[in-house]
Amino acid sequence: MSKSKKNEFRPDEFVVYPAHGVGRIVSIEEQEVAGLRLEMFVISFDKDKMTLRVPTARASEIGMRSLSTPDLIDRALETLKGKARVKRAMWSRRAQEYEQKIHSGDLMSIAEVVRDLHRCDDQREQSYSERQLYEAALDRLTREVAAVGGLDEGGAQKRVEEVLLTRAA
């Protein structure tokens, strides 16, 4: 079983780690932790200047996944065109739900957060916490769009913003 898990991800491949977004597997190394020899994925998140080590046997269990397919990216961008669905719950409750969606690592959930929190020029200002959540979701979405589409982050951001502007029109 560990053999199939080991071959699921390879060095120099982009992966999505739920709590941190898109990263690149730098290497697979063995490390001794609490007297046990563990095989670890070494994942680099360049934008955050962070390196993460994930046991290969637990990668799928943790929720680490390969990048989305171009088809799923298109569906996520299509989600952005929809009408914002804002529940009539208190902001603290909605903020928790948005936070969970962002950290789920699910691209469609992240796209829903971007759609729901996006503000047009003629709408009221966002609160600080609303803006923080929006920017976190937008960052996760654009990083995955960039990695799948082979774009730089600026190009991916432009593509996402164009979709959001078509909704506003």
N, C-alpha and C. Protein backbone atom coordinates (compact mmCIF):
# COMPACT_ATOMS: atom_id res chain seq x y z
N MET A 1 0.82 -1.20 0.00
CA MET A 1 0.00 0.00 0.00
C MET A 1 0.86 1.26 0.00
N SER A 2 1.94 1.26 0.78
CA SER A 2 2.79 2.44 0.82
C SER A 2 3.49 2.68 -0.52
N LYS A 3 3.67 1.60 -1.28
CA LYS A 3 4.28 1.75 -2.60
C LYS A 3 3.40 2.58 -3.52
N SER A 4 2.08 2.33 -3.50
CA SER A 4 1.18 3.08 -4.37
C SER A 4 1.11 4.54 -3.92
N LYS A 5 1.16 4.78 -2.62
CA LYS A 5 1.13 6.14 -2.10
C LYS A 5 2.41 6.88 -2.52
N LYS A 6 3.52 6.17 -2.46
CA LYS A 6 4.80 6.76 -2.78
C LYS A 6 4.81 7.26 -4.22
N ASN A 7 4.22 6.48 -5.13
CA ASN A 7 4.26 6.82 -6.54
C ASN A 7 3.17 7.83 -6.94
N GLU A 8 2.30 8.18 -5.99
CA GLU A 8 1.22 9.11 -6.31
C GLU A 8 1.77 10.51 -6.64
N PHE A 9 2.79 10.95 -5.93
CA PHE A 9 3.40 12.26 -6.16
C PHE A 9 4.88 12.08 -6.43
N ARG A 10 5.43 12.92 -7.29
CA ARG A 10 6.84 12.82 -7.65
C ARG A 10 7.55 14.14 -7.40
N PRO A 11 8.86 14.10 -7.22
CA PRO A 11 9.62 15.35 -7.07
C PRO A 11 9.43 16.25 -8.30
N ASP A 12 9.49 17.55 -8.07
CA ASP A 12 9.34 18.58 -9.09
C ASP A 12 7.91 18.70 -9.62
N GLU A 13 6.96 18.13 -8.87
CA GLU A 13 5.55 18.18 -9.27
C GLU A 13 4.82 19.16 -8.35
N PHE A 14 3.88 19.90 -8.91
CA PHE A 14 3.07 20.79 -8.09
C PHE A 14 1.97 19.99 -7.42
N VAL A 15 1.70 20.31 -6.15
CA VAL A 15 0.62 19.68 -5.39
C VAL A 15 -0.13 20.77 -4.63
N VAL A 16 -1.32 20.42 -4.16
CA VAL A 16 -2.10 21.34 -3.34
C VAL A 16 -2.16 20.77 -1.94
N TYR A 17 -1.65 21.53 -0.98
CA TYR A 17 -1.74 21.17 0.42
C TYR A 17 -2.86 22.02 1.01
N PRO A 18 -3.90 21.39 1.60
CA PRO A 18 -5.11 22.14 1.99
C PRO A 18 -4.88 23.42 2.78
N ALA A 19 -4.01 23.40 3.75
CA ALA A 19 -3.83 24.57 4.60
C ALA A 19 -2.94 25.65 4.00
N HIS A 20 -2.18 25.32 2.93
CA HIS A 20 -1.22 26.29 2.40
C HIS A 20 -1.34 26.56 0.91
N GLY A 21 -2.13 25.79 0.19
CA GLY A 21 -2.29 26.02 -1.24
C GLY A 21 -1.28 25.27 -2.07
N VAL A 22 -0.89 25.88 -3.20
CA VAL A 22 -0.03 25.22 -4.19
C VAL A 22 1.43 25.30 -3.78
N GLY A 23 2.07 24.12 -3.80
CA GLY A 23 3.50 24.03 -3.52
C GLY A 23 4.15 23.05 -4.48
N ARG A 24 5.47 23.01 -4.48
CA ARG A 24 6.20 22.10 -5.36
C ARG A 24 6.96 21.10 -4.52
N ILE A 25 6.84 19.82 -4.87
CA ILE A 25 7.61 18.78 -4.17
C ILE A 25 9.07 18.92 -4.62
N VAL A 26 9.92 19.21 -3.66
CA VAL A 26 11.34 19.40 -3.95
C VAL A 26 12.04 18.05 -3.99
N SER A 27 11.73 17.20 -2.99
CA SER A 27 12.36 15.89 -2.93
C SER A 27 11.55 14.96 -2.03
N ILE A 28 11.96 13.71 -2.03
CA ILE A 28 11.41 12.74 -1.09
C ILE A 28 12.61 12.23 -0.29
N GLU A 29 12.55 12.40 1.03
CA GLU A 29 13.71 12.02 1.84
C GLU A 29 13.27 11.19 3.03
N GLU A 30 14.23 10.45 3.59
CA GLU A 30 13.95 9.69 4.80
C GLU A 30 14.45 10.48 5.99
N GLN A 31 13.68 10.41 7.07
CA GLN A 31 14.02 11.15 8.28
C GLN A 31 13.67 10.29 9.48
N GLU A 32 14.45 10.42 10.54
CA GLU A 32 14.13 9.68 11.76
C GLU A 32 13.37 10.60 12.71
N VAL A 33 12.14 10.19 13.05
CA VAL A 33 11.29 10.96 13.95
C VAL A 33 10.85 10.04 15.08
N ALA A 34 11.17 10.40 16.30
CA ALA A 34 10.82 9.61 17.49
C ALA A 34 11.24 8.15 17.35
N GLY A 35 12.42 7.93 16.80
CA GLY A 35 12.95 6.58 16.67
C GLY A 35 12.42 5.81 15.47
N LEU A 36 11.54 6.39 14.70
CA LEU A 36 10.99 5.72 13.51
C LEU A 36 11.56 6.36 12.25
N ARG A 37 11.84 5.51 11.25
CA ARG A 37 12.30 6.04 9.96
C ARG A 37 11.06 6.34 9.12
N LEU A 38 10.90 7.59 8.75
CA LEU A 38 9.75 8.00 7.95
C LEU A 38 10.21 8.57 6.61
N GLU A 39 9.46 8.23 5.58
CA GLU A 39 9.71 8.80 4.28
C GLU A 39 8.84 10.06 4.17
N MET A 40 9.46 11.17 3.78
CA MET A 40 8.75 12.45 3.76
C MET A 40 8.81 13.11 2.39
N PHE A 41 7.68 13.78 2.02
CA PHE A 41 7.69 14.68 0.88
C PHE A 41 8.19 16.01 1.42
N VAL A 42 9.14 16.62 0.73
CA VAL A 42 9.60 17.95 1.09
C VAL A 42 8.95 18.90 0.09
N ILE A 43 8.03 19.74 0.61
CA ILE A 43 7.25 20.62 -0.26
C ILE A 43 7.66 22.06 -0.01
N SER A 44 7.95 22.77 -1.09
CA SER A 44 8.36 24.17 -0.98
C SER A 44 7.22 25.08 -1.45
N PHE A 45 6.93 26.08 -0.63
CA PHE A 45 5.95 27.11 -0.98
C PHE A 45 6.74 28.40 -1.15
N ASP A 46 7.18 28.66 -2.39
CA ASP A 46 8.08 29.79 -2.66
C ASP A 46 7.50 31.13 -2.22
N LYS A 47 6.23 31.36 -2.52
CA LYS A 47 5.64 32.66 -2.21
C LYS A 47 5.64 32.93 -0.70
N ASP A 48 5.41 31.87 0.09
CA ASP A 48 5.38 32.03 1.54
C ASP A 48 6.76 31.83 2.18
N LYS A 49 7.76 31.50 1.35
CA LYS A 49 9.11 31.22 1.84
C LYS A 49 9.06 30.17 2.95
N MET A 50 8.41 29.04 2.62
CA MET A 50 8.18 28.01 3.62
C MET A 50 8.47 26.64 3.01
N THR A 51 8.99 25.75 3.83
CA THR A 51 9.19 24.36 3.43
C THR A 51 8.44 23.48 4.42
N LEU A 52 7.74 22.49 3.89
CA LEU A 52 6.91 21.62 4.71
C LEU A 52 7.33 20.18 4.45
N ARG A 53 7.37 19.37 5.49
CA ARG A 53 7.67 17.95 5.34
C ARG A 53 6.42 17.16 5.72
N VAL A 54 5.97 16.33 4.80
CA VAL A 54 4.74 15.55 4.99
C VAL A 54 5.08 14.07 4.83
N PRO A 55 4.73 13.23 5.83
CA PRO A 55 4.97 11.79 5.68
C PRO A 55 4.25 11.26 4.44
N THR A 56 4.95 10.51 3.61
CA THR A 56 4.36 10.01 2.36
C THR A 56 3.13 9.14 2.64
N ALA A 57 3.17 8.38 3.73
CA ALA A 57 2.05 7.48 4.04
C ALA A 57 0.78 8.23 4.42
N ARG A 58 0.92 9.49 4.86
CA ARG A 58 -0.25 10.24 5.32
C ARG A 58 -0.68 11.34 4.36
N ALA A 59 -0.01 11.49 3.23
CA ALA A 59 -0.28 12.60 2.32
C ALA A 59 -1.75 12.66 1.88
N SER A 60 -2.29 11.55 1.44
CA SER A 60 -3.68 11.53 0.97
C SER A 60 -4.65 11.75 2.13
N GLU A 61 -4.33 11.14 3.27
CA GLU A 61 -5.16 11.27 4.47
C GLU A 61 -5.25 12.74 4.92
N ILE A 62 -4.15 13.46 4.80
CA ILE A 62 -4.09 14.87 5.17
C ILE A 62 -4.90 15.72 4.18
N GLY A 63 -5.04 15.22 2.97
CA GLY A 63 -5.80 15.94 1.96
C GLY A 63 -4.94 16.53 0.86
N MET A 64 -3.66 16.17 0.84
CA MET A 64 -2.78 16.64 -0.22
C MET A 64 -3.26 16.04 -1.53
N ARG A 65 -3.28 16.85 -2.59
CA ARG A 65 -3.79 16.35 -3.87
C ARG A 65 -2.98 16.93 -5.02
N SER A 66 -3.15 16.32 -6.19
CA SER A 66 -2.53 16.85 -7.40
C SER A 66 -3.27 18.10 -7.82
N LEU A 67 -2.68 18.85 -8.74
CA LEU A 67 -3.35 20.04 -9.26
C LEU A 67 -4.65 19.65 -9.94
N SER A 68 -5.57 20.57 -10.00
CA SER A 68 -6.84 20.34 -10.68
C SER A 68 -6.62 20.19 -12.18
N THR A 69 -7.60 19.61 -12.86
CA THR A 69 -7.55 19.49 -14.31
C THR A 69 -7.96 20.82 -14.93
N PRO A 70 -7.56 21.10 -16.16
CA PRO A 70 -8.00 22.33 -16.83
C PRO A 70 -9.53 22.44 -16.88
N ASP A 71 -10.21 21.30 -16.98
CA ASP A 71 -11.67 21.28 -17.00
C ASP A 71 -12.24 21.79 -15.67
N LEU A 72 -11.63 21.36 -14.57
CA LEU A 72 -12.09 21.81 -13.25
C LEU A 72 -11.79 23.30 -13.04
N ILE A 73 -10.68 23.76 -13.58
CA ILE A 73 -10.34 25.19 -13.51
C ILE A 73 -11.43 25.99 -14.24
N ASP A 74 -11.83 25.52 -15.43
CA ASP A 74 -12.88 26.20 -16.18
C ASP A 74 -14.19 26.23 -15.40
N ARG A 75 -14.52 25.11 -14.75
CA ARG A 75 -15.76 25.07 -13.94
C ARG A 75 -15.68 26.03 -12.76
N ALA A 76 -14.50 26.12 -12.15
CA ALA A 76 -14.31 27.05 -11.02
C ALA A 76 -14.47 28.49 -11.49
N LEU A 77 -13.89 28.81 -12.67
CA LEU A 77 -14.02 30.16 -13.20
C LEU A 77 -15.47 30.45 -13.58
N GLU A 78 -16.18 29.44 -14.03
CA GLU A 78 -17.60 29.59 -14.34
C GLU A 78 -18.39 29.88 -13.06
N THR A 79 -17.99 29.27 -11.96
CA THR A 79 -18.62 29.51 -10.66
C THR A 79 -18.52 30.99 -10.28
N LEU A 80 -17.41 31.62 -10.64
CA LEU A 80 -17.21 33.03 -10.31
C LEU A 80 -18.24 33.93 -10.97
N LYS A 81 -18.79 33.48 -12.10
CA LYS A 81 -19.77 34.29 -12.83
C LYS A 81 -21.15 34.27 -12.17
N GLY A 82 -21.37 33.31 -11.28
CA GLY A 82 -22.67 33.17 -10.64
C GLY A 82 -22.98 34.31 -9.68
N LYS A 83 -24.20 34.33 -9.23
CA LYS A 83 -24.64 35.36 -8.27
C LYS A 83 -24.13 34.97 -6.88
N ALA A 84 -23.64 35.97 -6.14
CA ALA A 84 -23.14 35.72 -4.79
C ALA A 84 -24.24 35.16 -3.91
N ARG A 85 -23.91 34.11 -3.17
CA ARG A 85 -24.87 33.50 -2.25
C ARG A 85 -24.42 33.78 -0.84
N VAL A 86 -24.95 34.83 -0.27
CA VAL A 86 -24.56 35.21 1.08
C VAL A 86 -25.68 34.81 2.04
N LYS A 87 -25.34 33.95 2.97
CA LYS A 87 -26.33 33.50 3.96
C LYS A 87 -26.64 34.63 4.94
N ARG A 88 -27.80 34.56 5.53
CA ARG A 88 -28.21 35.60 6.48
C ARG A 88 -27.78 35.25 7.91
N ALA A 89 -26.60 34.71 8.04
CA ALA A 89 -26.08 34.38 9.37
C ALA A 89 -25.17 35.51 9.83
N MET A 90 -24.82 35.47 11.10
CA MET A 90 -23.90 36.48 11.62
C MET A 90 -22.55 36.38 10.90
N TRP A 91 -21.85 37.50 10.79
CA TRP A 91 -20.58 37.52 10.07
C TRP A 91 -19.58 36.51 10.66
N SER A 92 -19.53 36.39 11.99
CA SER A 92 -18.55 35.48 12.60
C SER A 92 -18.79 34.04 12.13
N ARG A 93 -20.04 33.65 12.02
CA ARG A 93 -20.38 32.29 11.56
C ARG A 93 -20.01 32.12 10.08
N ARG A 94 -20.36 33.12 9.26
CA ARG A 94 -20.02 33.06 7.83
C ARG A 94 -18.51 33.05 7.64
N ALA A 95 -17.81 33.86 8.43
CA ALA A 95 -16.35 33.93 8.32
C ALA A 95 -15.72 32.57 8.61
N GLN A 96 -16.25 31.87 9.62
CA GLN A 96 -15.75 30.51 9.93
C GLN A 96 -15.97 29.58 8.75
N GLU A 97 -17.15 29.65 8.15
CA GLU A 97 -17.44 28.78 7.00
C GLU A 97 -16.52 29.09 5.83
N TYR A 98 -16.30 30.39 5.57
CA TYR A 98 -15.39 30.77 4.48
C TYR A 98 -13.98 30.27 4.77
N GLU A 99 -13.54 30.40 6.01
CA GLU A 99 -12.21 29.94 6.41
C GLU A 99 -12.08 28.43 6.17
N GLN A 100 -13.10 27.68 6.55
CA GLN A 100 -13.09 26.22 6.35
C GLN A 100 -13.02 25.88 4.87
N LYS A 101 -13.77 26.60 4.05
CA LYS A 101 -13.75 26.35 2.61
C LYS A 101 -12.36 26.62 2.02
N ILE A 102 -11.75 27.72 2.47
CA ILE A 102 -10.42 28.07 1.96
C ILE A 102 -9.41 26.99 2.34
N HIS A 103 -9.46 26.53 3.60
CA HIS A 103 -8.49 25.54 4.07
C HIS A 103 -8.85 24.11 3.69
N SER A 104 -9.99 23.90 3.03
CA SER A 104 -10.35 22.56 2.58
C SER A 104 -9.47 22.12 1.41
N GLY A 105 -8.95 23.11 0.67
CA GLY A 105 -8.13 22.79 -0.49
C GLY A 105 -8.96 22.47 -1.71
N ASP A 106 -10.29 22.47 -1.59
CA ASP A 106 -11.18 22.17 -2.71
C ASP A 106 -11.34 23.41 -3.57
N LEU A 107 -10.96 23.31 -4.84
CA LEU A 107 -10.95 24.46 -5.74
C LEU A 107 -12.35 25.08 -5.91
N MET A 108 -13.37 24.26 -6.01
CA MET A 108 -14.73 24.78 -6.18
C MET A 108 -15.18 25.57 -4.96
N SER A 109 -14.85 25.08 -3.77
CA SER A 109 -15.20 25.79 -2.53
C SER A 109 -14.48 27.14 -2.46
N ILE A 110 -13.22 27.16 -2.87
CA ILE A 110 -12.44 28.39 -2.86
C ILE A 110 -13.05 29.39 -3.85
N ALA A 111 -13.45 28.89 -5.03
CA ALA A 111 -14.08 29.76 -6.03
C ALA A 111 -15.39 30.34 -5.49
N GLU A 112 -16.14 29.55 -4.71
CA GLU A 112 -17.38 30.05 -4.12
C GLU A 112 -17.10 31.20 -3.15
N VAL A 113 -16.03 31.08 -2.36
CA VAL A 113 -15.67 32.14 -1.42
C VAL A 113 -15.32 33.42 -2.19
N VAL A 114 -14.53 33.28 -3.26
CA VAL A 114 -14.16 34.45 -4.07
C VAL A 114 -15.42 35.10 -4.64
N ARG A 115 -16.32 34.26 -5.18
CA ARG A 115 -17.57 34.77 -5.75
C ARG A 115 -18.40 35.51 -4.70
N ASP A 116 -18.55 34.91 -3.52
CA ASP A 116 -19.41 35.49 -2.49
C ASP A 116 -18.83 36.77 -1.87
N LEU A 117 -17.51 36.89 -1.82
CA LEU A 117 -16.90 38.04 -1.16
C LEU A 117 -16.45 39.13 -2.14
N HIS A 118 -16.54 38.87 -3.44
CA HIS A 118 -16.11 39.87 -4.43
C HIS A 118 -17.03 41.09 -4.38
N ARG A 119 -16.41 42.27 -4.40
CA ARG A 119 -17.18 43.52 -4.39
C ARG A 119 -16.89 44.29 -5.67
N CYS A 120 -17.95 44.81 -6.30
CA CYS A 120 -17.81 45.70 -7.45
C CYS A 120 -17.58 47.12 -6.92
N ASP A 121 -17.20 48.01 -7.81
CA ASP A 121 -16.91 49.39 -7.40
C ASP A 121 -18.12 50.09 -6.77
N ASP A 122 -19.32 49.74 -7.24
CA ASP A 122 -20.51 50.43 -6.74
C ASP A 122 -21.08 49.84 -5.45
N GLN A 123 -20.45 48.77 -4.94
CA GLN A 123 -20.94 48.15 -3.71
C GLN A 123 -20.20 48.70 -2.50
N ARG A 124 -20.77 48.46 -1.32
CA ARG A 124 -20.15 48.98 -0.09
C ARG A 124 -18.77 48.39 0.13
N GLU A 125 -17.99 49.09 0.94
CA GLU A 125 -16.64 48.64 1.27
C GLU A 125 -16.66 47.34 2.06
N GLN A 126 -15.59 46.57 1.93
CA GLN A 126 -15.45 45.35 2.71
C GLN A 126 -14.84 45.70 4.06
N SER A 127 -15.21 44.92 5.08
CA SER A 127 -14.55 45.08 6.37
C SER A 127 -13.15 44.49 6.25
N TYR A 128 -12.32 44.75 7.24
CA TYR A 128 -10.95 44.24 7.22
C TYR A 128 -10.93 42.71 7.14
N SER A 129 -11.72 42.05 7.98
CA SER A 129 -11.71 40.57 8.00
C SER A 129 -12.28 40.00 6.70
N GLU A 130 -13.27 40.68 6.14
CA GLU A 130 -13.85 40.24 4.87
C GLU A 130 -12.79 40.33 3.76
N ARG A 131 -12.07 41.44 3.76
CA ARG A 131 -11.03 41.65 2.75
C ARG A 131 -9.91 40.60 2.89
N GLN A 132 -9.53 40.29 4.14
CA GLN A 132 -8.49 39.28 4.39
C GLN A 132 -8.91 37.93 3.83
N LEU A 133 -10.14 37.52 4.09
CA LEU A 133 -10.64 36.23 3.60
C LEU A 133 -10.71 36.23 2.07
N TYR A 134 -11.20 37.33 1.51
CA TYR A 134 -11.30 37.44 0.05
C TYR A 134 -9.92 37.31 -0.59
N GLU A 135 -8.95 38.04 -0.06
CA GLU A 135 -7.60 38.00 -0.63
C GLU A 135 -6.95 36.63 -0.48
N ALA A 136 -7.20 35.95 0.65
CA ALA A 136 -6.65 34.60 0.85
C ALA A 136 -7.25 33.64 -0.17
N ALA A 137 -8.56 33.71 -0.38
CA ALA A 137 -9.22 32.82 -1.35
C ALA A 137 -8.77 33.15 -2.77
N LEU A 138 -8.69 34.44 -3.09
CA LEU A 138 -8.26 34.86 -4.42
C LEU A 138 -6.83 34.39 -4.70
N ASP A 139 -5.97 34.50 -3.69
CA ASP A 139 -4.57 34.06 -3.83
C ASP A 139 -4.49 32.56 -4.11
N ARG A 140 -5.26 31.76 -3.35
CA ARG A 140 -5.25 30.30 -3.56
C ARG A 140 -5.74 29.96 -4.97
N LEU A 141 -6.82 30.63 -5.37
CA LEU A 141 -7.41 30.36 -6.69
C LEU A 141 -6.43 30.74 -7.80
N THR A 142 -5.84 31.92 -7.73
CA THR A 142 -4.94 32.35 -8.81
C THR A 142 -3.67 31.51 -8.86
N ARG A 143 -3.17 31.06 -7.70
CA ARG A 143 -1.97 30.22 -7.71
C ARG A 143 -2.24 28.89 -8.40
N GLU A 144 -3.42 28.33 -8.18
CA GLU A 144 -3.73 27.06 -8.84
C GLU A 144 -4.01 27.27 -10.33
N VAL A 145 -4.70 28.36 -10.67
CA VAL A 145 -4.95 28.67 -12.09
C VAL A 145 -3.61 28.86 -12.81
N ALA A 146 -2.67 29.54 -12.15
CA ALA A 146 -1.35 29.77 -12.74
C ALA A 146 -0.60 28.46 -12.95
N ALA A 147 -0.59 27.60 -11.92
CA ALA A 147 0.15 26.34 -12.01
C ALA A 147 -0.43 25.41 -13.07
N VAL A 148 -1.76 25.34 -13.17
CA VAL A 148 -2.40 24.46 -14.15
C VAL A 148 -2.25 25.01 -15.56
N GLY A 149 -2.43 26.33 -15.70
CA GLY A 149 -2.39 26.96 -17.02
C GLY A 149 -1.00 27.30 -17.52
N GLY A 150 0.02 27.06 -16.69
CA GLY A 150 1.39 27.38 -17.08
C GLY A 150 1.60 28.89 -17.19
N LEU A 151 0.83 29.66 -16.44
CA LEU A 151 0.93 31.12 -16.47
C LEU A 151 1.75 31.61 -15.28
N ASP A 152 2.18 32.87 -15.35
CA ASP A 152 2.74 33.46 -14.14
C ASP A 152 1.55 33.94 -13.30
N GLU A 153 1.80 34.27 -12.04
CA GLU A 153 0.68 34.64 -11.17
C GLU A 153 -0.04 35.90 -11.63
N GLY A 154 0.70 36.81 -12.23
CA GLY A 154 0.08 38.04 -12.75
C GLY A 154 -0.92 37.73 -13.85
N GLY A 155 -0.54 36.83 -14.76
CA GLY A 155 -1.44 36.44 -15.86
C GLY A 155 -2.67 35.71 -15.34
N ALA A 156 -2.47 34.86 -14.33
CA ALA A 156 -3.59 34.13 -13.74
C ALA A 156 -4.53 35.09 -13.03
N GLN A 157 -3.96 36.07 -12.33
CA GLN A 157 -4.78 37.06 -11.61
C GLN A 157 -5.62 37.85 -12.61
N LYS A 158 -5.00 38.21 -13.73
CA LYS A 158 -5.71 38.96 -14.77
C LYS A 158 -6.88 38.14 -15.31
N ARG A 159 -6.64 36.86 -15.54
CA ARG A 159 -7.69 35.97 -16.07
C ARG A 159 -8.87 35.88 -15.09
N VAL A 160 -8.58 35.72 -13.79
CA VAL A 160 -9.62 35.63 -12.77
C VAL A 160 -10.37 36.95 -12.67
N GLU A 161 -9.65 38.07 -12.69
CA GLU A 161 -10.30 39.38 -12.60
C GLU A 161 -11.20 39.65 -13.79
N GLU A 162 -10.78 39.20 -14.99
CA GLU A 162 -11.62 39.36 -16.18
C GLU A 162 -12.95 38.61 -16.00
N VAL A 163 -12.88 37.42 -15.46
CA VAL A 163 -14.11 36.64 -15.23
C VAL A 163 -14.99 37.36 -14.22
N LEU A 164 -14.39 37.88 -13.15
CA LEU A 164 -15.17 38.60 -12.13
C LEU A 164 -15.80 39.87 -12.70
N LEU A 165 -15.11 40.54 -13.61
CA LEU A 165 -15.65 41.76 -14.22
C LEU A 165 -16.80 41.45 -15.18
N THR A 166 -16.76 40.30 -15.85
CA THR A 166 -17.86 39.93 -16.75
C THR A 166 -19.13 39.70 -15.94
N ARG A 167 -18.97 39.21 -14.72
CA ARG A 167 -20.13 39.01 -13.84
C ARG A 167 -20.73 40.35 -13.48
N ALA A 168 -19.86 41.33 -13.22
CA ALA A 168 -20.34 42.64 -12.78
C ALA A 168 -21.10 43.36 -13.89
N ALA A 169 -20.74 43.09 -15.14
CA ALA A 169 -21.37 43.79 -16.26
C ALA A 169 -22.79 43.35 -16.51
